[in-house]
Structures are given as structure tokens and as C-alpha cells.
Amino acid sequence: PRALLYSHITIYTKSILVEQTTPTAIFVNDSVSVISNVSFDDYDLDATDLGGTLEWVEPDDLSQVTHYVVYMALGSNRSVFA
């Protein structure tokens, strides 16, 4: 089945005593906001340190943006940590 067909997640609780007969359902809001024009100039002269300003253009619609997370990577396809 395609994930686009689903709008809710249904959750049952279970313990060693009983399984819940009436589940709880929550609505899934799968929104995305994309930044653009990312730039970073490294002004630190040490090979193992970074120093500079990371800049980007915010999405046009900020209604779903609560925060930004920056990931460091060893290459363009491998994230290391946030």
C-alpha cells in the first residue's frame, strides 16, 4: 500500500495483563518546508575547526516551521551528527 493513502495512526496499548480494546488515533500531518541558497564561508584557518556564518533563504510559507536543524557530514551523502 502507498503511504499517501493514510491519514491517521492508530495506537493500541498492551501490557502483560490486557490489550486495549479501544485504540487511540492521531492525525498525521506530513508537511515539508524547504530552504534554498545555502552558503557557508569557513574563515577559521585550522583544518579541524569551523568559523563563519551559515546562511540560507527561508521557505515562503513558515506556518509549519518550528525550528531548523543543521547536520554535519563527511561527504554529500553521509550525515554524521546534528
Protein backbone atom coordinates (compact mmCIF):
# COMPACT_ATOMS: atom_id res chain seq x y z
CA PRO A 1 0.00 0.00 0.00
CA ARG A 2 1.12 3.55 -0.70
CA ALA A 3 1.75 5.75 2.35
CA LEU A 4 -0.06 8.66 0.69
CA LEU A 5 -3.37 6.87 1.27
CA TYR A 6 -3.10 7.02 5.05
CA SER A 7 -4.09 10.00 7.18
CA HIS A 8 -4.06 8.58 10.74
CA ILE A 9 -2.01 6.33 13.02
CA THR A 10 -3.96 4.04 15.34
CA ILE A 11 -2.32 3.07 18.63
CA TYR A 12 -3.23 0.20 20.95
CA THR A 13 -1.61 -0.18 24.34
CA LYS A 14 -0.67 -3.63 25.59
CA SER A 15 0.64 -4.93 28.88
CA ILE A 16 1.05 -8.40 30.38
CA LEU A 17 -2.44 -8.01 31.85
CA VAL A 18 -4.55 -6.77 28.95
CA GLU A 19 -4.59 -5.32 25.43
CA GLN A 20 -6.56 -2.11 24.99
CA THR A 21 -9.79 -2.73 23.06
CA THR A 22 -10.43 0.91 22.15
CA PRO A 23 -7.44 2.39 20.36
CA THR A 24 -6.37 5.99 20.12
CA ALA A 25 -5.99 7.52 16.65
CA ILE A 26 -3.97 10.58 15.73
CA PHE A 27 -3.94 12.60 12.52
CA VAL A 28 -0.68 12.59 10.56
CA ASN A 29 0.34 15.93 9.06
CA ASP A 30 3.22 15.29 6.68
CA SER A 31 4.28 18.83 5.74
CA VAL A 32 7.55 19.95 4.27
CA SER A 33 9.28 23.31 4.04
CA VAL A 34 12.46 23.66 2.00
CA ILE A 35 15.20 26.25 2.40
CA SER A 36 17.28 27.44 -0.57
CA ASN A 37 20.54 29.23 -1.41
CA VAL A 38 22.56 27.66 1.41
CA SER A 39 26.01 29.20 1.84
CA PHE A 40 28.87 28.90 4.31
CA ASP A 41 32.28 30.55 4.12
CA ASP A 42 34.78 29.00 6.54
CA TYR A 43 37.01 31.79 7.92
CA ASP A 44 38.77 29.61 10.51
CA LEU A 45 42.32 28.73 9.40
CA ASP A 46 42.54 25.50 11.42
CA ALA A 47 41.78 22.38 9.39
CA THR A 48 39.71 20.82 12.19
CA ASP A 49 37.68 23.90 13.17
CA LEU A 50 34.87 25.83 11.54
CA GLY A 51 34.28 29.54 11.82
CA GLY A 52 31.90 31.58 9.78
CA THR A 53 28.25 32.29 9.11
CA LEU A 54 25.82 29.73 7.73
CA GLU A 55 23.12 31.45 5.69
CA TRP A 56 20.01 30.35 3.78
CA VAL A 57 16.80 31.73 2.34
CA GLU A 58 13.75 30.77 4.40
CA PRO A 59 10.78 28.99 2.81
CA ASP A 60 7.96 31.18 1.52
CA ASP A 61 5.50 29.51 3.91
CA LEU A 62 6.77 29.48 7.51
CA SER A 63 3.49 28.31 9.05
CA GLN A 64 4.80 24.76 9.68
CA VAL A 65 8.42 25.67 10.58
CA THR A 66 9.16 25.36 14.30
CA HIS A 67 12.98 25.16 14.17
CA TYR A 68 15.94 24.35 11.95
CA VAL A 69 18.45 21.52 12.42
CA VAL A 70 21.95 21.61 10.90
CA TYR A 71 23.69 18.29 10.18
CA MET A 72 27.44 17.96 9.78
CA ALA A 73 28.68 15.38 7.25
CA LEU A 74 31.86 13.79 5.97
CA GLY A 75 30.52 13.93 2.41
CA SER A 76 27.49 14.96 0.42
CA ASN A 77 25.63 11.66 1.06
CA ARG A 78 26.52 10.88 4.72
CA SER A 79 25.24 12.76 7.77
CA VAL A 80 27.28 12.41 10.95
CA PHE A 81 25.58 14.36 13.74
CA ALA A 82 23.16 17.21 14.40
